[in-house]
PDB file of N, CA and C in Angstrom:
ATOM      1  N   MET A   1     208.299 231.652  58.076  1.00  0.00           N
ATOM      2  CA  MET A   1     209.686 231.153  58.600  1.00  0.00           C
ATOM      3  C   MET A   1     209.678 229.612  58.013  1.00  0.00           C
ATOM      4  N   ASN A   2     208.622 228.810  58.134  1.00  0.00           N
ATOM      5  CA  ASN A   2     208.413 227.565  57.699  1.00  0.00           C
ATOM      6  C   ASN A   2     208.685 227.209  56.256  1.00  0.00           C
ATOM      7  N   GLU A   3     208.186 228.251  55.615  1.00  0.00           N
ATOM      8  CA  GLU A   3     208.242 228.147  54.222  1.00  0.00           C
ATOM      9  C   GLU A   3     209.714 228.321  53.822  1.00  0.00           C
ATOM     10  N   LEU A   4     210.724 229.200  54.141  1.00  0.00           N
ATOM     11  CA  LEU A   4     211.948 229.137  53.956  1.00  0.00           C
ATOM     12  C   LEU A   4     212.637 228.081  54.544  1.00  0.00           C
ATOM     13  N   VAL A   5     212.450 227.473  55.569  1.00  0.00           N
ATOM     14  CA  VAL A   5     213.114 226.271  55.889  1.00  0.00           C
ATOM     15  C   VAL A   5     212.703 225.135  55.129  1.00  0.00           C
ATOM     16  N   SER A   6     211.592 225.075  54.658  1.00  0.00           N
ATOM     17  CA  SER A   6     211.292 224.054  53.534  1.00  0.00           C
ATOM     18  C   SER A   6     211.889 224.161  52.211  1.00  0.00           C
ATOM     19  N   ILE A   7     212.278 225.502  51.960  1.00  0.00           N
ATOM     20  CA  ILE A   7     212.917 225.577  50.663  1.00  0.00           C
ATOM     21  C   ILE A   7     214.601 225.315  50.647  1.00  0.00           C
ATOM     22  N   PHE A   8     215.033 225.529  51.843  1.00  0.00           N
ATOM     23  CA  PHE A   8     216.214 225.601  51.865  1.00  0.00           C
ATOM     24  C   PHE A   8     216.723 223.992  52.308  1.00  0.00           C
ATOM     25  N   LYS A   9     215.877 223.211  53.147  1.00  0.00           N
ATOM     26  CA  LYS A   9     216.126 221.913  53.120  1.00  0.00           C
ATOM     27  C   LYS A   9     215.812 220.892  52.056  1.00  0.00           C
ATOM     28  N   ALA A  10     214.975 221.378  50.950  1.00  0.00           N
ATOM     29  CA  ALA A  10     215.136 220.658  49.854  1.00  0.00           C
ATOM     30  C   ALA A  10     216.170 220.787  49.122  1.00  0.00           C
ATOM     31  N   LEU A  11     216.715 222.178  49.060  1.00  0.00           N
ATOM     32  CA  LEU A  11     218.069 222.411  48.381  1.00  0.00           C
ATOM     33  C   LEU A  11     219.316 221.903  48.868  1.00  0.00           C
ATOM     34  N   SER A  12     219.275 221.168  50.074  1.00  0.00           N
ATOM     35  CA  SER A  12     220.602 220.816  50.809  1.00  0.00           C
ATOM     36  C   SER A  12     220.835 219.393  50.741  1.00  0.00           C
ATOM     37  N   ASP A  13     220.198 218.728  49.702  1.00  0.00           N
ATOM     38  CA  ASP A  13     220.438 217.247  49.437  1.00  0.00           C
ATOM     39  C   ASP A  13     221.119 217.247  48.158  1.00  0.00           C
ATOM     40  N   GLU A  14     222.091 216.440  48.058  1.00  0.00           N
ATOM     41  CA  GLU A  14     222.668 216.207  46.490  1.00  0.00           C
ATOM     42  C   GLU A  14     221.763 215.294  45.738  1.00  0.00           C
ATOM     43  N   THR A  15     221.054 214.399  46.154  1.00  0.00           N
ATOM     44  CA  THR A  15     220.013 213.524  45.502  1.00  0.00           C
ATOM     45  C   THR A  15     218.875 214.392  44.888  1.00  0.00           C
ATOM     46  N   ARG A  16     218.290 215.344  45.693  1.00  0.00           N
ATOM     47  CA  ARG A  16     217.363 216.339  45.349  1.00  0.00           C
ATOM     48  C   ARG A  16     217.923 217.159  44.197  1.00  0.00           C
ATOM     49  N   LEU A  17     218.893 217.615  44.325  1.00  0.00           N
ATOM     50  CA  LEU A  17     219.561 218.461  43.238  1.00  0.00           C
ATOM     51  C   LEU A  17     219.718 217.637  41.847  1.00  0.00           C
ATOM     52  N   ARG A  18     220.116 216.299  41.811  1.00  0.00           N
ATOM     53  CA  ARG A  18     220.388 215.574  40.701  1.00  0.00           C
ATOM     54  C   ARG A  18     218.748 215.433  40.238  1.00  0.00           C
ATOM     55  N   ILE A  19     218.047 215.113  40.955  1.00  0.00           N
ATOM     56  CA  ILE A  19     216.577 215.015  40.617  1.00  0.00           C
ATOM     57  C   ILE A  19     216.236 216.481  39.656  1.00  0.00           C
ATOM     58  N   VAL A  20     216.860 217.283  40.344  1.00  0.00           N
ATOM     59  CA  VAL A  20     215.737 218.664  39.548  1.00  0.00           C
ATOM     60  C   VAL A  20     216.683 218.720  38.190  1.00  0.00           C
ATOM     61  N   LYS A  21     218.027 218.466  38.405  1.00  0.00           N
ATOM     62  CA  LYS A  21     218.684 218.655  37.252  1.00  0.00           C
ATOM     63  C   LYS A  21     218.056 217.455  35.989  1.00  0.00           C
ATOM     64  N   LEU A  22     217.942 216.237  36.207  1.00  0.00           N
ATOM     65  CA  LEU A  22     217.185 215.475  35.264  1.00  0.00           C
ATOM     66  C   LEU A  22     215.694 216.024  34.934  1.00  0.00           C
ATOM     67  N   LEU A  23     215.060 216.778  35.817  1.00  0.00           N
ATOM     68  CA  LEU A  23     213.557 217.481  35.428  1.00  0.00           C
ATOM     69  C   LEU A  23     213.688 218.596  34.682  1.00  0.00           C
ATOM     70  N   GLU A  24     214.902 219.141  34.486  1.00  0.00           N
ATOM     71  CA  GLU A  24     215.286 220.435  33.641  1.00  0.00           C
ATOM     72  C   GLU A  24     214.855 219.861  32.109  1.00  0.00           C
ATOM     73  N   GLN A  25     215.405 218.547  31.875  1.00  0.00           N
ATOM     74  CA  GLN A  25     215.301 218.002  30.571  1.00  0.00           C
ATOM     75  C   GLN A  25     213.543 217.798  30.242  1.00  0.00           C
ATOM     76  N   GLY A  26     212.692 217.929  30.950  1.00  0.00           N
ATOM     77  CA  GLY A  26     211.521 217.733  31.056  1.00  0.00           C
ATOM     78  C   GLY A  26     210.544 216.724  31.978  1.00  0.00           C
ATOM     79  N   GLU A  27     209.355 216.316  31.625  1.00  0.00           N
ATOM     80  CA  GLU A  27     208.877 215.868  32.605  1.00  0.00           C
ATOM     81  C   GLU A  27     209.132 214.332  32.808  1.00  0.00           C
ATOM     82  N   LEU A  28     209.273 213.601  34.036  1.00  0.00           N
ATOM     83  CA  LEU A  28     209.666 212.175  34.132  1.00  0.00           C
ATOM     84  C   LEU A  28     208.813 211.469  35.136  1.00  0.00           C
ATOM     85  N   CYS A  29     208.563 210.211  35.028  1.00  0.00           N
ATOM     86  CA  CYS A  29     207.851 209.565  35.864  1.00  0.00           C
ATOM     87  C   CYS A  29     208.686 208.902  37.014  1.00  0.00           C
ATOM     88  N   VAL A  30     208.362 208.538  38.120  1.00  0.00           N
ATOM     89  CA  VAL A  30     209.259 208.130  39.135  1.00  0.00           C
ATOM     90  C   VAL A  30     210.065 206.887  38.668  1.00  0.00           C
ATOM     91  N   CYS A  31     209.646 205.908  37.741  1.00  0.00           N
ATOM     92  CA  CYS A  31     210.178 204.868  37.238  1.00  0.00           C
ATOM     93  C   CYS A  31     211.691 205.428  36.493  1.00  0.00           C
ATOM     94  N   ASP A  32     211.407 206.388  35.666  1.00  0.00           N
ATOM     95  CA  ASP A  32     212.595 206.823  34.925  1.00  0.00           C
ATOM     96  C   ASP A  32     213.582 207.538  35.811  1.00  0.00           C
ATOM     97  N   LEU A  33     213.115 208.344  37.139  1.00  0.00           N
ATOM     98  CA  LEU A  33     214.100 208.827  38.024  1.00  0.00           C
ATOM     99  C   LEU A  33     214.792 207.768  38.719  1.00  0.00           C
ATOM    100  N   VAL A  34     213.881 206.547  39.204  1.00  0.00           N
ATOM    101  CA  VAL A  34     214.709 205.286  39.816  1.00  0.00           C
ATOM    102  C   VAL A  34     215.838 204.881  38.720  1.00  0.00           C
ATOM    103  N   ALA A  35     215.407 204.882  37.506  1.00  0.00           N
ATOM    104  CA  ALA A  35     216.439 204.458  36.727  1.00  0.00           C
ATOM    105  C   ALA A  35     217.641 205.134  36.499  1.00  0.00           C
ATOM    106  N   ALA A  36     217.482 206.242  36.330  1.00  0.00           N
ATOM    107  CA  ALA A  36     218.697 207.357  36.047  1.00  0.00           C
ATOM    108  C   ALA A  36     219.376 207.705  37.413  1.00  0.00           C
ATOM    109  N   LEU A  37     218.820 207.429  38.655  1.00  0.00           N
ATOM    110  CA  LEU A  37     219.749 207.739  39.742  1.00  0.00           C
ATOM    111  C   LEU A  37     220.165 206.387  40.435  1.00  0.00           C
ATOM    112  N   GLY A  38     219.634 205.273  40.026  1.00  0.00           N
ATOM    113  CA  GLY A  38     220.121 204.119  40.548  1.00  0.00           C
ATOM    114  C   GLY A  38     220.007 203.702  41.815  1.00  0.00           C
ATOM    115  N   MET A  39     218.838 204.292  42.197  1.00  0.00           N
ATOM    116  CA  MET A  39     217.979 204.443  43.595  1.00  0.00           C
ATOM    117  C   MET A  39     216.989 203.485  43.759  1.00  0.00           C
ATOM    118  N   VAL A  40     216.110 202.983  44.815  1.00  0.00           N
ATOM    119  CA  VAL A  40     215.149 202.199  45.092  1.00  0.00           C
ATOM    120  C   VAL A  40     213.879 203.408  45.155  1.00  0.00           C
ATOM    121  N   GLN A  41     212.760 203.114  44.372  1.00  0.00           N
ATOM    122  CA  GLN A  41     211.497 203.927  44.585  1.00  0.00           C
ATOM    123  C   GLN A  41     211.270 204.504  45.819  1.00  0.00           C
ATOM    124  N   PRO A  42     211.315 204.059  46.737  1.00  0.00           N
ATOM    125  CA  PRO A  42     210.815 204.553  48.384  1.00  0.00           C
ATOM    126  C   PRO A  42     211.702 205.920  48.374  1.00  0.00           C
ATOM    127  N   LYS A  43     212.996 205.813  48.221  1.00  0.00           N
ATOM    128  CA  LYS A  43     213.821 206.781  48.331  1.00  0.00           C
ATOM    129  C   LYS A  43     213.735 207.604  47.492  1.00  0.00           C
ATOM    130  N   VAL A  44     213.636 207.560  46.185  1.00  0.00           N
ATOM    131  CA  VAL A  44     213.266 208.674  45.084  1.00  0.00           C
ATOM    132  C   VAL A  44     212.269 209.436  45.533  1.00  0.00           C
ATOM    133  N   SER A  45     210.911 208.506  45.741  1.00  0.00           N
ATOM    134  CA  SER A  45     209.560 209.379  46.119  1.00  0.00           C
ATOM    135  C   SER A  45     209.725 210.107  47.522  1.00  0.00           C
ATOM    136  N   PHE A  46     210.601 209.685  48.292  1.00  0.00           N
ATOM    137  CA  PHE A  46     211.010 210.770  49.624  1.00  0.00           C
ATOM    138  C   PHE A  46     211.396 211.966  48.932  1.00  0.00           C
ATOM    139  N   HIS A  47     212.518 212.032  47.797  1.00  0.00           N
ATOM    140  CA  HIS A  47     213.016 213.130  47.971  1.00  0.00           C
ATOM    141  C   HIS A  47     212.012 213.918  46.878  1.00  0.00           C
ATOM    142  N   LEU A  48     211.275 213.397  46.378  1.00  0.00           N
ATOM    143  CA  LEU A  48     210.487 214.065  45.530  1.00  0.00           C
ATOM    144  C   LEU A  48     209.319 214.694  46.220  1.00  0.00           C
ATOM    145  N   SER A  49     208.771 214.106  47.300  1.00  0.00           N
ATOM    146  CA  SER A  49     207.721 214.701  48.110  1.00  0.00           C
ATOM    147  C   SER A  49     208.690 216.026  49.071  1.00  0.00           C
ATOM    148  N   VAL A  50     209.712 215.922  48.936  1.00  0.00           N
ATOM    149  CA  VAL A  50     210.485 217.131  49.803  1.00  0.00           C
ATOM    150  C   VAL A  50     210.443 218.298  48.716  1.00  0.00           C
ATOM    151  N   LEU A  51     210.836 217.969  47.429  1.00  0.00           N
ATOM    152  CA  LEU A  51     210.912 218.995  46.463  1.00  0.00           C
ATOM    153  C   LEU A  51     209.394 219.641  46.238  1.00  0.00           C
ATOM    154  N   LYS A  52     208.169 218.719  46.204  1.00  0.00           N
ATOM    155  CA  LYS A  52     207.006 219.227  46.049  1.00  0.00           C
ATOM    156  C   LYS A  52     206.674 220.171  47.123  1.00  0.00           C
ATOM    157  N   GLU A  53     206.832 219.685  48.566  1.00  0.00           N
ATOM    158  CA  GLU A  53     206.343 220.559  49.629  1.00  0.00           C
ATOM    159  C   GLU A  53     207.160 221.910  49.326  1.00  0.00           C
ATOM    160  N   ALA A  54     208.366 221.771  48.858  1.00  0.00           N
ATOM    161  CA  ALA A  54     208.998 222.995  48.802  1.00  0.00           C
ATOM    162  C   ALA A  54     208.464 224.154  47.686  1.00  0.00           C
ATOM    163  N   GLY A  55     207.689 223.184  46.894  1.00  0.00           N
ATOM    164  CA  GLY A  55     207.182 224.069  45.610  1.00  0.00           C
ATOM    165  C   GLY A  55     208.301 224.077  44.620  1.00  0.00           C
ATOM    166  N   PHE A  56     208.909 223.486  44.304  1.00  0.00           N
ATOM    167  CA  PHE A  56     209.813 223.289  43.206  1.00  0.00           C
ATOM    168  C   PHE A  56     209.422 222.216  42.255  1.00  0.00           C
ATOM    169  N   ILE A  57     208.616 221.325  42.613  1.00  0.00           N
ATOM    170  CA  ILE A  57     208.286 220.739  41.278  1.00  0.00           C
ATOM    171  C   ILE A  57     206.386 220.397  41.657  1.00  0.00           C
ATOM    172  N   THR A  58     205.699 220.138  40.517  1.00  0.00           N
ATOM    173  CA  THR A  58     204.525 219.579  40.676  1.00  0.00           C
ATOM    174  C   THR A  58     204.320 218.105  39.734  1.00  0.00           C
ATOM    175  N   ASP A  59     203.207 217.662  40.085  1.00  0.00           N
ATOM    176  CA  ASP A  59     203.027 216.439  39.667  1.00  0.00           C
ATOM    177  C   ASP A  59     201.687 216.019  39.068  1.00  0.00           C
ATOM    178  N   ARG A  60     201.618 215.245  38.044  1.00  0.00           N
ATOM    179  CA  ARG A  60     200.184 215.039  37.341  1.00  0.00           C
ATOM    180  C   ARG A  60     200.052 213.420  37.367  1.00  0.00           C
ATOM    181  N   LYS A  61     198.870 212.884  37.551  1.00  0.00           N
ATOM    182  CA  LYS A  61     198.486 211.514  37.608  1.00  0.00           C
ATOM    183  C   LYS A  61     197.966 210.974  36.094  1.00  0.00           C
ATOM    184  N   GLN A  62     198.578 210.160  35.595  1.00  0.00           N
ATOM    185  CA  GLN A  62     198.290 209.679  34.240  1.00  0.00           C
ATOM    186  C   GLN A  62     198.047 207.873  34.503  1.00  0.00           C
ATOM    187  N   GLY A  63     196.938 207.352  34.769  1.00  0.00           N
ATOM    188  CA  GLY A  63     196.712 205.957  34.858  1.00  0.00           C
ATOM    189  C   GLY A  63     197.111 205.949  36.550  1.00  0.00           C
ATOM    190  N   ARG A  64     198.030 204.781  36.072  1.00  0.00           N
ATOM    191  CA  ARG A  64     198.592 204.646  37.662  1.00  0.00           C
ATOM    192  C   ARG A  64     199.928 205.207  37.765  1.00  0.00           C
ATOM    193  N   TRP A  65     200.169 205.952  36.777  1.00  0.00           N
ATOM    194  CA  TRP A  65     201.457 206.403  36.780  1.00  0.00           C
ATOM    195  C   TRP A  65     201.836 207.863  37.260  1.00  0.00           C
ATOM    196  N   ILE A  66     202.823 208.800  38.102  1.00  0.00           N
ATOM    197  CA  ILE A  66     202.751 209.996  38.564  1.00  0.00           C
ATOM    198  C   ILE A  66     204.155 210.462  37.852  1.00  0.00           C
ATOM    199  N   HIS A  67     203.682 211.697  37.061  1.00  0.00           N
ATOM    200  CA  HIS A  67     204.676 212.368  36.441  1.00  0.00           C
ATOM    201  C   HIS A  67     205.108 213.687  36.860  1.00  0.00           C
ATOM    202  N   TYR A  68     206.293 213.919  37.183  1.00  0.00           N
ATOM    203  CA  TYR A  68     206.958 215.087  37.822  1.00  0.00           C
ATOM    204  C   TYR A  68     207.598 216.200  36.791  1.00  0.00           C
ATOM    205  N   ARG A  69     207.516 217.485  36.928  1.00  0.00           N
ATOM    206  CA  ARG A  69     207.877 218.293  36.243  1.00  0.00           C
ATOM    207  C   ARG A  69     208.487 219.696  37.136  1.00  0.00           C
ATOM    208  N   LEU A  70     209.154 220.436  36.716  1.00  0.00           N
ATOM    209  CA  LEU A  70     209.852 221.503  37.611  1.00  0.00           C
ATOM    210  C   LEU A  70     208.414 222.539  37.437  1.00  0.00           C
ATOM    211  N   ASP A  71     208.261 223.167  38.585  1.00  0.00           N
ATOM    212  CA  ASP A  71     207.261 224.035  38.749  1.00  0.00           C
ATOM    213  C   ASP A  71     207.792 225.652  38.496  1.00  0.00           C
ATOM    214  N   ASP A  72     207.398 226.049  37.057  1.00  0.00           N
ATOM    215  CA  ASP A  72     207.386 227.367  36.468  1.00  0.00           C
ATOM    216  C   ASP A  72     206.737 228.538  37.180  1.00  0.00           C
ATOM    217  N   SER A  73     205.469 228.011  38.219  1.00  0.00           N
ATOM    218  CA  SER A  73     204.698 229.217  38.570  1.00  0.00           C
ATOM    219  C   SER A  73     205.191 230.446  39.433  1.00  0.00           C
ATOM    220  N   ASP A  74     206.322 230.139  40.283  1.00  0.00           N
ATOM    221  CA  ASP A  74     207.035 231.071  41.269  1.00  0.00           C
ATOM    222  C   ASP A  74     208.277 231.366  40.539  1.00  0.00           C
ATOM    223  N   MET A  75     208.595 232.661  40.046  1.00  0.00           N
ATOM    224  CA  MET A  75     209.876 233.097  39.342  1.00  0.00           C
ATOM    225  C   MET A  75     210.946 232.941  40.510  1.00  0.00           C
ATOM    226  N   MET A  76     210.690 233.218  41.870  1.00  0.00           N
ATOM    227  CA  MET A  76     211.832 233.566  42.513  1.00  0.00           C
ATOM    228  C   MET A  76     212.508 232.271  43.003  1.00  0.00           C
ATOM    229  N   ARG A  77     211.557 231.286  43.057  1.00  0.00           N
ATOM    230  CA  ARG A  77     212.051 229.865  43.502  1.00  0.00           C
ATOM    231  C   ARG A  77     212.767 229.182  42.276  1.00  0.00           C
ATOM    232  N   ARG A  78     212.142 229.629  41.159  1.00  0.00           N
ATOM    233  CA  ARG A  78     212.791 229.169  39.599  1.00  0.00           C
ATOM    234  C   ARG A  78     214.110 229.529  39.614  1.00  0.00           C
ATOM    235  N   MET A  79     214.122 230.974  39.938  1.00  0.00           N
ATOM    236  CA  MET A  79     215.710 231.569  39.803  1.00  0.00           C
ATOM    237  C   MET A  79     216.634 231.099  40.851  1.00  0.00           C
ATOM    238  N   LEU A  80     216.099 230.765  41.966  1.00  0.00           N
ATOM    239  CA  LEU A  80     216.807 230.155  43.093  1.00  0.00           C
ATOM    240  C   LEU A  80     217.557 228.916  42.700  1.00  0.00           C
ATOM    241  N   LEU A  81     216.416 228.109  42.180  1.00  0.00           N
ATOM    242  CA  LEU A  81     216.860 226.677  41.884  1.00  0.00           C
ATOM    243  C   LEU A  81     217.887 226.722  40.782  1.00  0.00           C
ATOM    244  N   LEU A  82     217.669 227.463  39.649  1.00  0.00           N
ATOM    245  CA  LEU A  82     218.667 227.639  38.406  1.00  0.00           C
ATOM    246  C   LEU A  82     219.910 227.981  39.218  1.00  0.00           C
ATOM    247  N   SER A  83     220.014 229.086  39.989  1.00  0.00           N
ATOM    248  CA  SER A  83     221.350 229.292  40.420  1.00  0.00           C
ATOM    249  C   SER A  83     222.091 228.400  41.209  1.00  0.00           C
ATOM    250  N   VAL A  84     221.338 227.477  42.115  1.00  0.00           N
ATOM    251  CA  VAL A  84     221.768 226.361  42.775  1.00  0.00           C
ATOM    252  C   VAL A  84     222.440 225.416  41.887  1.00  0.00           C
ATOM    253  N   CYS A  85     221.510 224.690  40.989  1.00  0.00           N
ATOM    254  CA  CYS A  85     221.747 223.753  40.109  1.00  0.00           C
ATOM    255  C   CYS A  85     223.179 223.958  39.191  1.00  0.00           C
ATOM    256  N   GLU A  86     223.439 225.337  38.738  1.00  0.00           N
ATOM    257  CA  GLU A  86     224.239 225.631  38.149  1.00  0.00           C
ATOM    258  C   GLU A  86     225.853 225.042  38.543  1.00  0.00           C
ATOM    259  N   ARG A  87     225.706 225.054  40.174  1.00  0.00           N
ATOM    260  CA  ARG A  87     226.681 224.879  41.043  1.00  0.00           C
ATOM    261  C   ARG A  87     226.939 223.153  40.988  1.00  0.00           C
ATOM    262  N   ILE A  88     225.977 222.376  40.631  1.00  0.00           N
ATOM    263  CA  ILE A  88     226.159 220.851  40.709  1.00  0.00           C
ATOM    264  C   ILE A  88     227.409 220.543  39.886  1.00  0.00           C
ATOM    265  N   SER A  89     227.944 219.577  40.134  1.00  0.00           N
ATOM    266  CA  SER A  89     228.989 218.563  39.233  1.00  0.00           C
ATOM    267  C   SER A  89     228.356 218.049  38.171  1.00  0.00           C
ATOM    268  N   ASP A  90     228.960 218.294  37.087  1.00  0.00           N
ATOM    269  CA  ASP A  90     228.643 217.985  35.896  1.00  0.00           C
ATOM    270  C   ASP A  90     228.858 216.499  35.804  1.00  0.00           C
ATOM    271  N   GLY A  91     229.781 215.889  36.305  1.00  0.00           N
ATOM    272  CA  GLY A  91     229.977 214.352  36.448  1.00  0.00           C
ATOM    273  C   GLY A  91     228.861 213.658  36.881  1.00  0.00           C
ATOM    274  N   ALA A  92     228.156 214.008  37.807  1.00  0.00           N
ATOM    275  CA  ALA A  92     226.950 213.233  38.451  1.00  0.00           C
ATOM    276  C   ALA A  92     225.788 213.529  37.485  1.00  0.00           C
ATOM    277  N   ALA A  93     225.976 214.541  36.959  1.00  0.00           N
ATOM    278  CA  ALA A  93     224.578 214.786  36.219  1.00  0.00           C
ATOM    279  C   ALA A  93     224.902 214.139  34.770  1.00  0.00           C
ATOM    280  N   ALA A  94     225.734 214.058  34.296  1.00  0.00           N
ATOM    281  CA  ALA A  94     226.155 213.558  33.173  1.00  0.00           C
ATOM    282  C   ALA A  94     226.061 211.982  33.120  1.00  0.00           C
ATOM    283  N   GLU A  95     226.368 211.371  34.261  1.00  0.00           N
ATOM    284  CA  GLU A  95     226.057 210.018  34.425  1.00  0.00           C
ATOM    285  C   GLU A  95     224.579 209.557  34.461  1.00  0.00           C
ATOM    286  N   ASP A  96     223.863 210.393  35.350  1.00  0.00           N
ATOM    287  CA  ASP A  96     222.540 210.325  35.630  1.00  0.00           C
ATOM    288  C   ASP A  96     221.569 210.355  34.262  1.00  0.00           C
ATOM    289  N   ARG A  97     221.979 211.285  33.456  1.00  0.00           N
ATOM    290  CA  ARG A  97     221.345 211.646  31.972  1.00  0.00           C
ATOM    291  C   ARG A  97     222.048 210.300  31.134  1.00  0.00           C
ATOM    292  N   LYS A  98     222.748 209.701  31.052  1.00  0.00           N
ATOM    293  CA  LYS A  98     223.415 208.827  30.554  1.00  0.00           C
ATOM    294  C   LYS A  98     222.438 207.397  30.686  1.00  0.00           C
ATOM    295  N   ARG A  99     222.011 207.212  32.386  1.00  0.00           N
ATOM    296  CA  ARG A  99     221.528 206.204  32.536  1.00  0.00           C
ATOM    297  C   ARG A  99     220.013 206.272  32.174  1.00  0.00           C
ATOM    298  N   LEU A 100     219.355 207.518  32.223  1.00  0.00           N
ATOM    299  CA  LEU A 100     217.972 207.754  31.881  1.00  0.00           C
ATOM    300  C   LEU A 100     217.627 207.606  30.308  1.00  0.00           C
ATOM    301  N   SER A 101     218.991 207.965  29.662  1.00  0.00           N
ATOM    302  CA  SER A 101     218.891 207.457  27.992  1.00  0.00           C
ATOM    303  C   SER A 101     218.588 206.322  27.877  1.00  0.00           C
ATOM    304  N   ARG A 102     219.589 205.586  28.372  1.00  0.00           N
ATOM    305  CA  ARG A 102     219.715 204.017  28.108  1.00  0.00           C
ATOM    306  C   ARG A 102     218.361 203.245  28.910  1.00  0.00           C
ATOM    307  N   PHE A 103     217.797 203.924  29.762  1.00  0.00           N
ATOM    308  CA  PHE A 103     216.431 203.290  30.362  1.00  0.00           C
ATOM    309  C   PHE A 103     215.031 203.890  29.479  1.00  0.00           C
ATOM    310  N   LEU A 104     215.155 205.197  28.905  1.00  0.00           N
ATOM    311  CA  LEU A 104     214.141 205.351  28.020  1.00  0.00           C
ATOM    312  C   LEU A 104     213.939 204.872  26.662  1.00  0.00           C
ATOM    313  N   LEU A 105     215.508 204.438  26.094  1.00  0.00           N
ATOM    314  CA  LEU A 105     215.173 203.752  24.866  1.00  0.00           C
ATOM    315  C   LEU A 105     214.833 202.045  25.158  1.00  0.00           C
ATOM    316  N   LYS A 106     214.944 201.449  26.213  1.00  0.00           N
ATOM    317  CA  LYS A 106     214.549 200.283  26.471  1.00  0.00           C
ATOM    318  C   LYS A 106     213.068 200.257  26.703  1.00  0.00           C
ATOM    319  N   LYS A 107     212.509 201.316  27.429  1.00  0.00           N
ATOM    320  CA  LYS A 107     211.393 201.638  27.496  1.00  0.00           C
ATOM    321  C   LYS A 107     210.328 201.574  26.454  1.00  0.00           C
ATOM    322  N   ARG A 108     211.089 202.147  25.384  1.00  0.00           N
ATOM    323  CA  ARG A 108     210.075 202.358  24.224  1.00  0.00           C
ATOM    324  C   ARG A 108     209.504 201.270  23.420  1.00  0.00           C
ATOM    325  N   PRO A 109     208.357 201.244  22.977  1.00  0.00           N
ATOM    326  CA  PRO A 109     207.637 200.155  22.599  1.00  0.00           C
ATOM    327  C   PRO A 109     208.226 199.466  21.333  1.00  0.00           C
ATOM    328  N   GLN A 110     208.680 198.186  21.302  1.00  0.00           N
ATOM    329  CA  GLN A 110     209.265 197.486  19.972  1.00  0.00           C
ATOM    330  C   GLN A 110     208.223 197.571  18.878  1.00  0.00           C
ATOM    331  N   VAL A 111     208.641 197.703  17.817  1.00  0.00           N
ATOM    332  CA  VAL A 111     207.832 197.616  16.539  1.00  0.00           C
ATOM    333  C   VAL A 111     208.280 196.267  15.869  1.00  0.00           C
ATOM    334  N   SER A 112     207.378 195.520  15.699  1.00  0.00           N
ATOM    335  CA  SER A 112     207.467 194.384  14.614  1.00  0.00           C
ATOM    336  C   SER A 112     207.091 194.550  13.369  1.00  0.00           C
ATOM    337  N   VAL A 113     207.442 194.172  12.133  1.00  0.00           N
ATOM    338  CA  VAL A 113     206.950 194.062  11.024  1.00  0.00           C
ATOM    339  C   VAL A 113     206.587 192.733  10.570  1.00  0.00           C
ATOM    340  N   VAL A 114     205.449 192.439  10.548  1.00  0.00           N
ATOM    341  CA  VAL A 114     204.858 191.167   9.671  1.00  0.00           C
ATOM    342  C   VAL A 114     204.750 191.202   8.291  1.00  0.00           C
ATOM    343  N   ASP A 115     205.013 190.473   7.477  1.00  0.00           N
ATOM    344  CA  ASP A 115     204.578 190.188   6.145  1.00  0.00           C
ATOM    345  C   ASP A 115     203.481 189.468   6.129  1.00  0.00           C
ATOM    346  N   LEU A 116     202.262 189.826   5.881  1.00  0.00           N
ATOM    347  CA  LEU A 116     201.077 189.491   5.794  1.00  0.00           C
ATOM    348  C   LEU A 116     201.092 188.625   4.532  1.00  0.00           C
ATOM    349  N   ARG A 117     201.686 189.086   3.328  1.00  0.00           N
ATOM    350  CA  ARG A 117     201.583 188.501   2.038  1.00  0.00           C
ATOM    351  C   ARG A 117     201.900 186.868   2.153  1.00  0.00           C
ATOM    352  N   ALA A 118     202.936 186.863   3.008  1.00  0.00           N
ATOM    353  CA  ALA A 118     203.514 185.337   3.415  1.00  0.00           C
ATOM    354  C   ALA A 118     202.450 184.409   3.631  1.00  0.00           C
ATOM    355  N   GLY A 119     202.072 184.779   4.686  1.00  0.00           N
ATOM    356  CA  GLY A 119     200.797 183.793   5.349  1.00  0.00           C
ATOM    357  C   GLY A 119     199.770 184.107   4.561  1.00  0.00           C
ATOM    358  N   MET A 120     199.476 184.809   3.749  1.00  0.00           N
ATOM    359  CA  MET A 120     198.594 184.583   2.520  1.00  0.00           C
ATOM    360  C   MET A 120     198.597 183.503   1.764  1.00  0.00           C
ATOM    361  N   LYS A 121     199.858 183.375   1.040  1.00  0.00           N
ATOM    362  CA  LYS A 121     199.916 182.941   0.335  1.00  0.00           C
ATOM    363  C   LYS A 121     200.038 181.414   0.683  1.00  0.00           C
ATOM    364  N   GLU A 122     200.732 181.329   2.056  1.00  0.00           N
ATOM    365  CA  GLU A 122     200.233 179.738   2.364  1.00  0.00           C
ATOM    366  C   GLU A 122     199.112 179.371   2.677  1.00  0.00           C
ATOM    367  N   SER A 123     198.256 180.241   2.950  1.00  0.00           N
ATOM    368  CA  SER A 123     196.933 179.875   3.327  1.00  0.00           C
ATOM    369  C   SER A 123     196.062 179.308   1.865  1.00  0.00           C
ATOM    370  N   HIS A 124     196.532 180.090   1.031  1.00  0.00           N
ATOM    371  CA  HIS A 124     195.786 180.018  -0.327  1.00  0.00           C
ATOM    372  C   HIS A 124     196.311 178.872  -1.212  1.00  0.00           C
ATOM    373  N   GLY A 125     197.525 178.599  -0.871  1.00  0.00           N
ATOM    374  CA  GLY A 125     198.217 177.043  -1.443  1.00  0.00           C
ATOM    375  C   GLY A 125     197.774 176.066  -0.963  1.00  0.00           C
ATOM    376  N   ARG A 126     196.876 175.900   0.309  1.00  0.00           N
ATOM    377  CA  ARG A 126     196.457 174.720   0.881  1.00  0.00           C
ATOM    378  C   ARG A 126     195.147 174.212   0.306  1.00  0.00           C
TER     379      ARG A 126
END
């Protein structure tokens, strides 16, 4: 009975459903979810812990980062999750995806091109 309560508790919150919609796109770290949802990290972490306790998501640690993804190991949970998520407003989910995309673009490492030949000419000319 406690497992069932945990499952329905996890699905009863709009923020948790928004997190699930974002994780449908693939694995994300907490910082990605914070940026996408526009919420503070402790609040997002709380919602992630509820989803994890209910068996909807799993995590893996990489260095100091924790990455979350949907847990596909239990088909009944996955089907329930898909059914509920189909009914989520596309407006909120679209805004979350936009914020996530902007954040991920900023997060990408910047590449600089340096012309080493110019420096070599200067050093050879002296």
